[in-house]
Amino acid sequence: MAPLRFSANVSWLFPELPGLPARLRAAGSSGFEAAEVAWPYSESPEALARAAREAGLRLVLINTPPGDREKGEMGLGAVPGRQAAFREGLEQAVLYAKALGCPRLLMEGALEARMQWRETREGFVCSAEFLRIHLMAGRVPRGADRAAVRSEMETVFLENLRHAAGVLAQESLVGLLEPINTRSTDPQYFLDTPQQAAAILQKVGRPNLQLQMDIFHWQIMDGNLTGNIREFLPLVGHVQVAQVPGRGEPDSPGELNFPYLFQLLEDEGYKGFVGCEYQPQGDTAEGLNWLRSYWDRRGRPQAGQ
């Protein structure tokens, strides 16, 4: 069984450093091979791609834009009346994904072997083997009853996901659906359980849409992690980790036994990345002892694994 591959979520890690390029450099210096960014849109894609190349990192995950944060939006995929804005944001995310996954400057560096090309009638198009886009569902509108709007929001979400799947397929990209817990993190979020997300994926029926498993959210909403991981892992395209309830490092005090969970993911044959999306309890690099211990025990993945 190959060891797990970890990515640094630089929207969460290295908060002691200003700006995404500095955090990417810190992630590379800390031994990560990959990184993810929630919303990269404050930086130009060229600047981020350059910073990732210089750090020896590949980018493996970004989110679609959240919408109007001042109005309380947190994604638009299932929000009635915001279909046009969702599609506009999707186009922006695809632009960033193409630049971050396969820019020309990366093809000149050490990441060349990690990229793939596909042929179309228009010629050869660069596509990223590992980069995924989280298609954020969004929140139940303020003042609305969740049960009353659930059917309408699901209909909107299905419509937008079918559109997104087609757009992403043209670039050989994969979209992800992430359930976010409504008990502590975001009470108004529409998509909150793996069961709900899996049912929606089944209704859409597109192979380039997958499930994003954030173990923090899954534990809070449903527990039963062993059963749920085994049931839903065939649908999973990306994993994220944080301790419960404090959302700190995996070895910080809490409910979850991460050595067991990491072994379970290995035993079940998970080959994707495990994103470190947690709030460091102190200095980020000093708090990576859990990861260094994992690498000492299991080794690091070899190229091509």
C-alpha atoms as a PDB file:
ATOM      1  CA  MET A   1       0.000   0.000   0.000  1.00  0.00           C
ATOM      2  CA  ALA A   2       1.368   3.382  -1.018  1.00  0.00           C
ATOM      3  CA  PRO A   3       1.630   6.125   1.612  1.00  0.00           C
ATOM      4  CA  LEU A   4      -0.860   8.961   1.532  1.00  0.00           C
ATOM      5  CA  ARG A   5      -0.091  12.204  -0.257  1.00  0.00           C
ATOM      6  CA  PHE A   6      -0.649  15.442   1.639  1.00  0.00           C
ATOM      7  CA  SER A   7      -1.364  18.955   0.395  1.00  0.00           C
ATOM      8  CA  ALA A   8      -1.073  22.182   2.368  1.00  0.00           C
ATOM      9  CA  ASN A   9      -4.179  24.351   2.362  1.00  0.00           C
ATOM     10  CA  VAL A  10      -2.445  27.709   2.357  1.00  0.00           C
ATOM     11  CA  SER A  11      -5.693  29.545   2.999  1.00  0.00           C
ATOM     12  CA  TRP A  12      -5.488  27.995   6.495  1.00  0.00           C
ATOM     13  CA  LEU A  13      -1.857  27.073   7.098  1.00  0.00           C
ATOM     14  CA  PHE A  14       0.951  29.586   7.642  1.00  0.00           C
ATOM     15  CA  PRO A  15      -1.341  32.446   8.751  1.00  0.00           C
ATOM     16  CA  GLU A  16       1.772  34.024  10.267  1.00  0.00           C
ATOM     17  CA  LEU A  17       2.913  34.844   6.718  1.00  0.00           C
ATOM     18  CA  PRO A  18       1.368  37.562   4.522  1.00  0.00           C
ATOM     19  CA  GLY A  19       0.084  36.584   1.110  1.00  0.00           C
ATOM     20  CA  LEU A  20      -0.368  33.352  -0.784  1.00  0.00           C
ATOM     21  CA  PRO A  21       3.056  33.312  -2.529  1.00  0.00           C
ATOM     22  CA  ALA A  22       4.874  33.442   0.830  1.00  0.00           C
ATOM     23  CA  ARG A  23       2.685  30.659   2.183  1.00  0.00           C
ATOM     24  CA  LEU A  24       3.339  28.520  -0.872  1.00  0.00           C
ATOM     25  CA  ARG A  25       7.077  28.924  -0.367  1.00  0.00           C
ATOM     26  CA  ALA A  26       6.701  27.937   3.286  1.00  0.00           C
ATOM     27  CA  ALA A  27       4.677  24.861   2.319  1.00  0.00           C
ATOM     28  CA  GLY A  28       7.380  23.763  -0.084  1.00  0.00           C
ATOM     29  CA  SER A  29      10.083  24.325   2.520  1.00  0.00           C
ATOM     30  CA  SER A  30       8.086  22.201   4.976  1.00  0.00           C
ATOM     31  CA  GLY A  31       8.173  19.208   2.658  1.00  0.00           C
ATOM     32  CA  PHE A  32       4.768  19.341   0.992  1.00  0.00           C
ATOM     33  CA  GLU A  33       4.552  18.289  -2.641  1.00  0.00           C
ATOM     34  CA  ALA A  34       1.178  19.931  -3.218  1.00  0.00           C
ATOM     35  CA  ALA A  35      -0.984  22.824  -2.086  1.00  0.00           C
ATOM     36  CA  GLU A  36      -4.589  23.962  -2.262  1.00  0.00           C
ATOM     37  CA  VAL A  37      -6.099  27.435  -2.101  1.00  0.00           C
ATOM     38  CA  ALA A  38      -9.708  28.154  -1.196  1.00  0.00           C
ATOM     39  CA  TRP A  39     -10.014  31.353  -3.204  1.00  0.00           C
ATOM     40  CA  PRO A  40      -6.943  32.280  -5.245  1.00  0.00           C
ATOM     41  CA  TYR A  41      -8.594  35.234  -6.935  1.00  0.00           C
ATOM     42  CA  SER A  42      -6.823  37.993  -5.009  1.00  0.00           C
ATOM     43  CA  GLU A  43      -3.625  37.085  -6.869  1.00  0.00           C
ATOM     44  CA  SER A  44      -3.052  36.771 -10.584  1.00  0.00           C
ATOM     45  CA  PRO A  45      -2.899  33.168 -11.809  1.00  0.00           C
ATOM     46  CA  GLU A  46       0.538  33.855 -13.282  1.00  0.00           C
ATOM     47  CA  ALA A  47       1.921  35.012  -9.927  1.00  0.00           C
ATOM     48  CA  LEU A  48       0.517  32.006  -8.103  1.00  0.00           C
ATOM     49  CA  ALA A  49       1.768  29.609 -10.744  1.00  0.00           C
ATOM     50  CA  ARG A  50       5.239  31.128 -10.500  1.00  0.00           C
ATOM     51  CA  ALA A  51       5.231  30.894  -6.702  1.00  0.00           C
ATOM     52  CA  ALA A  52       4.113  27.250  -6.861  1.00  0.00           C
ATOM     53  CA  ARG A  53       6.823  26.390  -9.377  1.00  0.00           C
ATOM     54  CA  GLU A  54       9.505  28.071  -7.293  1.00  0.00           C
ATOM     55  CA  ALA A  55       8.295  26.166  -4.229  1.00  0.00           C
ATOM     56  CA  GLY A  56       8.265  22.822  -6.072  1.00  0.00           C
ATOM     57  CA  LEU A  57       4.516  22.460  -5.545  1.00  0.00           C
ATOM     58  CA  ARG A  58       1.589  21.497  -7.667  1.00  0.00           C
ATOM     59  CA  LEU A  59      -1.821  23.053  -7.016  1.00  0.00           C
ATOM     60  CA  VAL A  60      -4.493  20.408  -6.486  1.00  0.00           C
ATOM     61  CA  LEU A  61      -7.641  22.250  -5.345  1.00  0.00           C
ATOM     62  CA  ILE A  62      -9.387  25.599  -5.638  1.00  0.00           C
ATOM     63  CA  ASN A  63     -12.975  26.686  -4.923  1.00  0.00           C
ATOM     64  CA  THR A  64     -15.389  28.475  -7.173  1.00  0.00           C
ATOM     65  CA  PRO A  65     -15.828  32.131  -6.114  1.00  0.00           C
ATOM     66  CA  PRO A  66     -18.077  32.582  -3.070  1.00  0.00           C
ATOM     67  CA  GLY A  67     -20.281  35.302  -4.514  1.00  0.00           C
ATOM     68  CA  ASP A  68     -21.036  38.493  -2.626  1.00  0.00           C
ATOM     69  CA  ARG A  69     -19.519  37.972   0.828  1.00  0.00           C
ATOM     70  CA  GLU A  70     -20.968  41.276   2.093  1.00  0.00           C
ATOM     71  CA  LYS A  71     -24.431  39.869   1.432  1.00  0.00           C
ATOM     72  CA  GLY A  72     -23.567  36.635   3.224  1.00  0.00           C
ATOM     73  CA  GLU A  73     -23.021  34.439   0.180  1.00  0.00           C
ATOM     74  CA  MET A  74     -20.777  31.385   0.461  1.00  0.00           C
ATOM     75  CA  GLY A  75     -21.023  29.780  -2.939  1.00  0.00           C
ATOM     76  CA  LEU A  76     -23.755  29.987  -5.560  1.00  0.00           C
ATOM     77  CA  GLY A  77     -24.290  26.519  -7.005  1.00  0.00           C
ATOM     78  CA  ALA A  78     -27.679  25.866  -5.403  1.00  0.00           C
ATOM     79  CA  VAL A  79     -28.859  29.438  -4.872  1.00  0.00           C
ATOM     80  CA  PRO A  80     -32.027  30.319  -6.823  1.00  0.00           C
ATOM     81  CA  GLY A  81     -31.694  33.356  -9.024  1.00  0.00           C
ATOM     82  CA  ARG A  82     -27.882  33.272  -9.039  1.00  0.00           C
ATOM     83  CA  GLN A  83     -27.348  30.838 -11.903  1.00  0.00           C
ATOM     84  CA  ALA A  84     -25.704  33.420 -14.159  1.00  0.00           C
ATOM     85  CA  ALA A  85     -23.312  34.489 -11.398  1.00  0.00           C
ATOM     86  CA  PHE A  86     -22.430  30.854 -10.682  1.00  0.00           C
ATOM     87  CA  ARG A  87     -21.573  30.251 -14.324  1.00  0.00           C
ATOM     88  CA  GLU A  88     -19.501  33.412 -14.485  1.00  0.00           C
ATOM     89  CA  GLY A  89     -17.607  32.307 -11.391  1.00  0.00           C
ATOM     90  CA  LEU A  90     -17.118  28.856 -12.872  1.00  0.00           C
ATOM     91  CA  GLU A  91     -15.461  30.369 -15.930  1.00  0.00           C
ATOM     92  CA  GLN A  92     -13.106  32.315 -13.674  1.00  0.00           C
ATOM     93  CA  ALA A  93     -12.271  29.168 -11.701  1.00  0.00           C
ATOM     94  CA  VAL A  94     -11.546  27.248 -14.900  1.00  0.00           C
ATOM     95  CA  LEU A  95      -9.265  30.035 -16.091  1.00  0.00           C
ATOM     96  CA  TYR A  96      -7.305  29.803 -12.835  1.00  0.00           C
ATOM     97  CA  ALA A  97      -7.299  26.001 -12.886  1.00  0.00           C
ATOM     98  CA  LYS A  98      -5.825  25.941 -16.382  1.00  0.00           C
ATOM     99  CA  ALA A  99      -3.136  28.448 -15.445  1.00  0.00           C
ATOM    100  CA  LEU A 100      -2.295  26.829 -12.124  1.00  0.00           C
ATOM    101  CA  GLY A 101      -2.450  23.280 -13.389  1.00  0.00           C
ATOM    102  CA  CYS A 102      -0.497  23.605 -16.595  1.00  0.00           C
ATOM    103  CA  PRO A 103       0.984  27.030 -17.340  1.00  0.00           C
ATOM    104  CA  ARG A 104       3.797  27.256 -19.850  1.00  0.00           C
ATOM    105  CA  LEU A 105       6.276  28.226 -17.162  1.00  0.00           C
ATOM    106  CA  LEU A 106       5.505  25.019 -15.246  1.00  0.00           C
ATOM    107  CA  MET A 107       6.194  22.949 -18.337  1.00  0.00           C
ATOM    108  CA  GLU A 108       9.720  24.342 -18.254  1.00  0.00           C
ATOM    109  CA  GLY A 109      10.354  23.153 -14.696  1.00  0.00           C
ATOM    110  CA  ALA A 110      10.486  20.060 -12.546  1.00  0.00           C
ATOM    111  CA  LEU A 111       6.745  19.444 -12.727  1.00  0.00           C
ATOM    112  CA  GLU A 112       6.819  18.534 -16.406  1.00  0.00           C
ATOM    113  CA  ALA A 113       6.348  14.831 -15.751  1.00  0.00           C
ATOM    114  CA  ARG A 114       3.250  15.492 -13.700  1.00  0.00           C
ATOM    115  CA  MET A 115       1.312  17.147 -16.498  1.00  0.00           C
ATOM    116  CA  GLN A 116      -0.701  15.552 -19.243  1.00  0.00           C
ATOM    117  CA  TRP A 117      -1.926  16.716 -22.625  1.00  0.00           C
ATOM    118  CA  ARG A 118      -5.038  15.765 -24.531  1.00  0.00           C
ATOM    119  CA  GLU A 119      -5.812  16.177 -28.233  1.00  0.00           C
ATOM    120  CA  THR A 120      -8.862  18.019 -29.515  1.00  0.00           C
ATOM    121  CA  ARG A 121      -9.969  19.195 -32.933  1.00  0.00           C
ATOM    122  CA  GLU A 122      -8.420  22.567 -32.048  1.00  0.00           C
ATOM    123  CA  GLY A 123      -5.047  21.027 -31.236  1.00  0.00           C
ATOM    124  CA  PHE A 124      -3.362  20.002 -27.997  1.00  0.00           C
ATOM    125  CA  VAL A 125      -4.808  21.369 -24.755  1.00  0.00           C
ATOM    126  CA  CYS A 126      -2.975  21.256 -21.465  1.00  0.00           C
ATOM    127  CA  SER A 127      -4.864  19.642 -18.575  1.00  0.00           C
ATOM    128  CA  ALA A 128      -3.965  19.056 -14.948  1.00  0.00           C
ATOM    129  CA  GLU A 129      -3.981  15.493 -13.705  1.00  0.00           C
ATOM    130  CA  PHE A 130      -4.702  16.322 -10.092  1.00  0.00           C
ATOM    131  CA  LEU A 131      -6.282  19.774  -9.884  1.00  0.00           C
ATOM    132  CA  ARG A 132      -9.926  19.807  -8.788  1.00  0.00           C
ATOM    133  CA  ILE A 133     -12.484  22.598  -8.467  1.00  0.00           C
ATOM    134  CA  HIS A 134     -14.810  22.627  -5.463  1.00  0.00           C
ATOM    135  CA  LEU A 135     -18.224  23.690  -6.798  1.00  0.00           C
ATOM    136  CA  MET A 136     -19.595  25.467  -3.765  1.00  0.00           C
ATOM    137  CA  ALA A 137     -23.310  24.870  -3.180  1.00  0.00           C
ATOM    138  CA  GLY A 138     -23.999  27.979  -1.116  1.00  0.00           C
ATOM    139  CA  ARG A 139     -26.369  28.868   1.676  1.00  0.00           C
ATOM    140  CA  VAL A 140     -30.100  28.667   2.180  1.00  0.00           C
ATOM    141  CA  PRO A 141     -31.314  32.258   1.581  1.00  0.00           C
ATOM    142  CA  ARG A 142     -31.717  34.371   4.690  1.00  0.00           C
ATOM    143  CA  GLY A 143     -35.150  34.085   6.233  1.00  0.00           C
ATOM    144  CA  ALA A 144     -36.047  30.999   4.182  1.00  0.00           C
ATOM    145  CA  ASP A 145     -37.100  27.692   5.724  1.00  0.00           C
ATOM    146  CA  ARG A 146     -34.630  24.959   4.731  1.00  0.00           C
ATOM    147  CA  ALA A 147     -37.299  22.326   4.238  1.00  0.00           C
ATOM    148  CA  ALA A 148     -39.474  24.657   2.173  1.00  0.00           C
ATOM    149  CA  VAL A 149     -36.725  25.579  -0.308  1.00  0.00           C
ATOM    150  CA  ARG A 150     -34.846  22.271  -0.398  1.00  0.00           C
ATOM    151  CA  SER A 151     -36.514  20.994  -3.573  1.00  0.00           C
ATOM    152  CA  GLU A 152     -36.040  24.271  -5.456  1.00  0.00           C
ATOM    153  CA  MET A 153     -32.403  24.549  -4.385  1.00  0.00           C
ATOM    154  CA  GLU A 154     -31.663  20.980  -5.410  1.00  0.00           C
ATOM    155  CA  THR A 155     -33.212  21.611  -8.831  1.00  0.00           C
ATOM    156  CA  VAL A 156     -30.997  24.682  -9.284  1.00  0.00           C
ATOM    157  CA  PHE A 157     -27.952  22.758  -8.092  1.00  0.00           C
ATOM    158  CA  LEU A 158     -28.585  19.884 -10.502  1.00  0.00           C
ATOM    159  CA  GLU A 159     -28.968  22.315 -13.390  1.00  0.00           C
ATOM    160  CA  ASN A 160     -25.753  24.123 -12.512  1.00  0.00           C
ATOM    161  CA  LEU A 161     -23.817  20.901 -11.947  1.00  0.00           C
ATOM    162  CA  ARG A 162     -24.786  19.502 -15.326  1.00  0.00           C
ATOM    163  CA  HIS A 163     -23.606  22.724 -16.915  1.00  0.00           C
ATOM    164  CA  ALA A 164     -20.386  22.669 -14.877  1.00  0.00           C
ATOM    165  CA  ALA A 165     -19.657  19.061 -15.763  1.00  0.00           C
ATOM    166  CA  GLY A 166     -19.784  19.931 -19.441  1.00  0.00           C
ATOM    167  CA  VAL A 167     -17.546  22.977 -19.059  1.00  0.00           C
ATOM    168  CA  LEU A 168     -15.027  21.061 -16.959  1.00  0.00           C
ATOM    169  CA  ALA A 169     -14.994  18.080 -19.326  1.00  0.00           C
ATOM    170  CA  GLN A 170     -13.783  20.339 -22.128  1.00  0.00           C
ATOM    171  CA  GLU A 171     -10.632  20.985 -20.085  1.00  0.00           C
ATOM    172  CA  SER A 172     -10.297  17.493 -18.562  1.00  0.00           C
ATOM    173  CA  LEU A 173     -11.025  18.960 -15.127  1.00  0.00           C
ATOM    174  CA  VAL A 174     -12.910  17.440 -12.200  1.00  0.00           C
ATOM    175  CA  GLY A 175     -15.491  19.183 -10.030  1.00  0.00           C
ATOM    176  CA  LEU A 176     -16.093  18.366  -6.373  1.00  0.00           C
ATOM    177  CA  LEU A 177     -19.083  18.606  -4.042  1.00  0.00           C
ATOM    178  CA  GLU A 178     -18.239  19.188  -0.379  1.00  0.00           C
ATOM    179  CA  PRO A 179     -20.774  18.768   2.426  1.00  0.00           C
ATOM    180  CA  ILE A 180     -20.139  21.391   5.137  1.00  0.00           C
ATOM    181  CA  ASN A 181     -21.499  20.796   8.603  1.00  0.00           C
ATOM    182  CA  THR A 182     -24.471  22.889   9.699  1.00  0.00           C
ATOM    183  CA  ARG A 183     -24.019  22.238  13.415  1.00  0.00           C
ATOM    184  CA  SER A 184     -21.008  24.445  14.061  1.00  0.00           C
ATOM    185  CA  THR A 185     -19.428  25.805  10.875  1.00  0.00           C
ATOM    186  CA  ASP A 186     -22.253  27.142   8.700  1.00  0.00           C
ATOM    187  CA  PRO A 187     -25.860  26.576   9.860  1.00  0.00           C
ATOM    188  CA  GLN A 188     -27.267  27.874   6.565  1.00  0.00           C
ATOM    189  CA  TYR A 189     -25.174  25.801   4.165  1.00  0.00           C
ATOM    190  CA  PHE A 190     -27.322  23.808   1.745  1.00  0.00           C
ATOM    191  CA  LEU A 191     -25.145  20.712   1.296  1.00  0.00           C
ATOM    192  CA  ASP A 192     -24.352  19.230   4.703  1.00  0.00           C
ATOM    193  CA  THR A 193     -24.090  15.415   4.625  1.00  0.00           C
ATOM    194  CA  PRO A 194     -22.279  12.868   2.457  1.00  0.00           C
ATOM    195  CA  GLN A 195     -25.593  11.096   1.905  1.00  0.00           C
ATOM    196  CA  GLN A 196     -27.133  14.235   0.401  1.00  0.00           C
ATOM    197  CA  ALA A 197     -24.083  14.893  -1.769  1.00  0.00           C
ATOM    198  CA  ALA A 198     -23.902  11.287  -3.015  1.00  0.00           C
ATOM    199  CA  ALA A 199     -27.595  11.350  -3.953  1.00  0.00           C
ATOM    200  CA  ILE A 200     -27.077  14.544  -5.954  1.00  0.00           C
ATOM    201  CA  LEU A 201     -24.035  13.088  -7.708  1.00  0.00           C
ATOM    202  CA  GLN A 202     -26.098  10.051  -8.652  1.00  0.00           C
ATOM    203  CA  LYS A 203     -28.831  12.245 -10.115  1.00  0.00           C
ATOM    204  CA  VAL A 204     -26.331  14.277 -12.150  1.00  0.00           C
ATOM    205  CA  GLY A 205     -24.560  11.145 -13.331  1.00  0.00           C
ATOM    206  CA  ARG A 206     -21.377  12.731 -14.676  1.00  0.00           C
ATOM    207  CA  PRO A 207     -18.055  10.933 -14.136  1.00  0.00           C
ATOM    208  CA  ASN A 208     -16.045  14.147 -13.739  1.00  0.00           C
ATOM    209  CA  LEU A 209     -18.021  15.206 -10.659  1.00  0.00           C
ATOM    210  CA  GLN A 210     -16.847  13.654  -7.391  1.00  0.00           C
ATOM    211  CA  LEU A 211     -17.193  13.958  -3.633  1.00  0.00           C
ATOM    212  CA  GLN A 212     -14.921  16.026  -1.392  1.00  0.00           C
ATOM    213  CA  MET A 213     -14.578  14.371   2.008  1.00  0.00           C
ATOM    214  CA  ASP A 214     -13.693  16.756   4.816  1.00  0.00           C
ATOM    215  CA  ILE A 215     -13.400  14.429   7.794  1.00  0.00           C
ATOM    216  CA  PHE A 216     -13.984  17.325  10.194  1.00  0.00           C
ATOM    217  CA  HIS A 217     -17.433  18.007   8.730  1.00  0.00           C
ATOM    218  CA  TRP A 218     -18.350  14.333   8.342  1.00  0.00           C
ATOM    219  CA  GLN A 219     -17.568  13.544  11.957  1.00  0.00           C
ATOM    220  CA  ILE A 220     -19.645  16.465  13.263  1.00  0.00           C
ATOM    221  CA  MET A 221     -22.667  15.699  11.102  1.00  0.00           C
ATOM    222  CA  ASP A 222     -22.837  11.923  11.207  1.00  0.00           C
ATOM    223  CA  GLY A 223     -19.892  10.220  12.911  1.00  0.00           C
ATOM    224  CA  ASN A 224     -19.655   6.583  11.781  1.00  0.00           C
ATOM    225  CA  LEU A 225     -16.471   7.481   9.936  1.00  0.00           C
ATOM    226  CA  THR A 226     -15.328   3.927   9.265  1.00  0.00           C
ATOM    227  CA  GLY A 227     -18.632   2.987   7.660  1.00  0.00           C
ATOM    228  CA  ASN A 228     -19.008   6.235   5.753  1.00  0.00           C
ATOM    229  CA  ILE A 229     -15.439   6.206   4.449  1.00  0.00           C
ATOM    230  CA  ARG A 230     -15.849   2.651   3.190  1.00  0.00           C
ATOM    231  CA  GLU A 231     -19.228   3.411   1.622  1.00  0.00           C
ATOM    232  CA  PHE A 232     -18.434   6.701  -0.075  1.00  0.00           C
ATOM    233  CA  LEU A 233     -14.701   6.499  -0.836  1.00  0.00           C
ATOM    234  CA  PRO A 234     -15.310   5.246  -4.407  1.00  0.00           C
ATOM    235  CA  LEU A 235     -16.937   8.649  -5.068  1.00  0.00           C
ATOM    236  CA  VAL A 236     -14.222  10.698  -3.351  1.00  0.00           C
ATOM    237  CA  GLY A 237     -11.817  12.848  -5.343  1.00  0.00           C
ATOM    238  CA  HIS A 238     -10.235  14.751  -2.451  1.00  0.00           C
ATOM    239  CA  VAL A 239      -9.919  14.417   1.334  1.00  0.00           C
ATOM    240  CA  GLN A 240      -9.372  17.098   3.975  1.00  0.00           C
ATOM    241  CA  VAL A 241      -8.491  16.674   7.645  1.00  0.00           C
ATOM    242  CA  ALA A 242      -8.706  18.544  10.945  1.00  0.00           C
ATOM    243  CA  GLN A 243      -9.246  17.467  14.537  1.00  0.00           C
ATOM    244  CA  VAL A 244     -12.721  17.633  16.111  1.00  0.00           C
ATOM    245  CA  PRO A 245     -13.987  19.775  17.760  1.00  0.00           C
ATOM    246  CA  GLY A 246     -11.192  22.381  17.750  1.00  0.00           C
ATOM    247  CA  ARG A 247     -10.258  22.085  14.055  1.00  0.00           C
ATOM    248  CA  GLY A 248      -6.570  21.985  14.912  1.00  0.00           C
ATOM    249  CA  GLU A 249      -3.752  19.690  13.828  1.00  0.00           C
ATOM    250  CA  PRO A 250      -4.587  15.990  13.540  1.00  0.00           C
ATOM    251  CA  ASP A 251      -2.495  15.255  16.652  1.00  0.00           C
ATOM    252  CA  SER A 252      -4.120  18.007  18.751  1.00  0.00           C
ATOM    253  CA  PRO A 253      -6.559  16.958  21.512  1.00  0.00           C
ATOM    254  CA  GLY A 254      -9.894  15.789  20.176  1.00  0.00           C
ATOM    255  CA  GLU A 255     -12.217  13.003  19.167  1.00  0.00           C
ATOM    256  CA  LEU A 256     -10.437  11.574  16.139  1.00  0.00           C
ATOM    257  CA  ASN A 257      -7.761   8.897  15.935  1.00  0.00           C
ATOM    258  CA  PHE A 258      -5.917   9.984  12.824  1.00  0.00           C
ATOM    259  CA  PRO A 259      -3.341   7.167  12.722  1.00  0.00           C
ATOM    260  CA  TYR A 260      -6.309   4.812  12.452  1.00  0.00           C
ATOM    261  CA  LEU A 261      -8.059   6.964   9.822  1.00  0.00           C
ATOM    262  CA  PHE A 262      -4.905   7.333   7.732  1.00  0.00           C
ATOM    263  CA  GLN A 263      -4.414   3.579   7.827  1.00  0.00           C
ATOM    264  CA  LEU A 264      -8.053   3.079   6.837  1.00  0.00           C
ATOM    265  CA  LEU A 265      -7.616   5.349   3.811  1.00  0.00           C
ATOM    266  CA  GLU A 266      -4.510   3.407   2.820  1.00  0.00           C
ATOM    267  CA  ASP A 267      -6.240   0.048   3.312  1.00  0.00           C
ATOM    268  CA  GLU A 268      -9.185   1.179   1.191  1.00  0.00           C
ATOM    269  CA  GLY A 269      -6.813   2.153  -1.610  1.00  0.00           C
ATOM    270  CA  TYR A 270      -7.272   5.924  -1.620  1.00  0.00           C
ATOM    271  CA  LYS A 271      -4.883   7.480  -4.162  1.00  0.00           C
ATOM    272  CA  GLY A 272      -5.818  11.170  -4.073  1.00  0.00           C
ATOM    273  CA  PHE A 273      -4.509  13.976  -1.924  1.00  0.00           C
ATOM    274  CA  VAL A 274      -5.238  14.617   1.743  1.00  0.00           C
ATOM    275  CA  GLY A 275      -5.589  18.335   2.312  1.00  0.00           C
ATOM    276  CA  CYS A 276      -4.433  19.857   5.591  1.00  0.00           C
ATOM    277  CA  GLU A 277      -7.287  22.281   6.188  1.00  0.00           C
ATOM    278  CA  TYR A 278      -6.959  23.129   9.856  1.00  0.00           C
ATOM    279  CA  GLN A 279      -6.245  26.046  12.175  1.00  0.00           C
ATOM    280  CA  PRO A 280      -2.659  25.771  13.452  1.00  0.00           C
ATOM    281  CA  GLN A 281      -2.558  25.950  17.235  1.00  0.00           C
ATOM    282  CA  GLY A 282       0.789  27.752  17.087  1.00  0.00           C
ATOM    283  CA  ASP A 283       3.562  28.114  14.538  1.00  0.00           C
ATOM    284  CA  THR A 284       2.503  26.125  11.470  1.00  0.00           C
ATOM    285  CA  ALA A 285       5.858  24.480  10.768  1.00  0.00           C
ATOM    286  CA  GLU A 286       6.352  23.468  14.395  1.00  0.00           C
ATOM    287  CA  GLY A 287       2.874  21.973  14.357  1.00  0.00           C
ATOM    288  CA  LEU A 288       3.738  19.602  11.503  1.00  0.00           C
ATOM    289  CA  ASN A 289       5.365  17.019  13.783  1.00  0.00           C
ATOM    290  CA  TRP A 290       2.405  14.703  13.113  1.00  0.00           C
ATOM    291  CA  LEU A 291       3.174  14.802   9.381  1.00  0.00           C
ATOM    292  CA  ARG A 292       6.912  14.327   9.833  1.00  0.00           C
ATOM    293  CA  SER A 293       6.150  11.314  12.039  1.00  0.00           C
ATOM    294  CA  TYR A 294       3.904   9.912   9.332  1.00  0.00           C
ATOM    295  CA  TRP A 295       6.620  10.365   6.717  1.00  0.00           C
ATOM    296  CA  ASP A 296       9.203   8.755   9.017  1.00  0.00           C
ATOM    297  CA  ARG A 297       6.926   5.775   9.538  1.00  0.00           C
ATOM    298  CA  ARG A 298       5.431   5.325   6.053  1.00  0.00           C
ATOM    299  CA  GLY A 299       7.840   7.136   3.759  1.00  0.00           C
ATOM    300  CA  ARG A 300       6.805   9.500   1.022  1.00  0.00           C
ATOM    301  CA  PRO A 301       5.024   8.597  -2.219  1.00  0.00           C
ATOM    302  CA  GLN A 302       7.282   7.959  -5.157  1.00  0.00           C
ATOM    303  CA  ALA A 303       6.817   9.866  -8.393  1.00  0.00           C
ATOM    304  CA  GLY A 304       3.974   8.384 -10.407  1.00  0.00           C
ATOM    305  CA  GLN A 305       2.233   6.737  -7.447  1.00  0.00           C
END
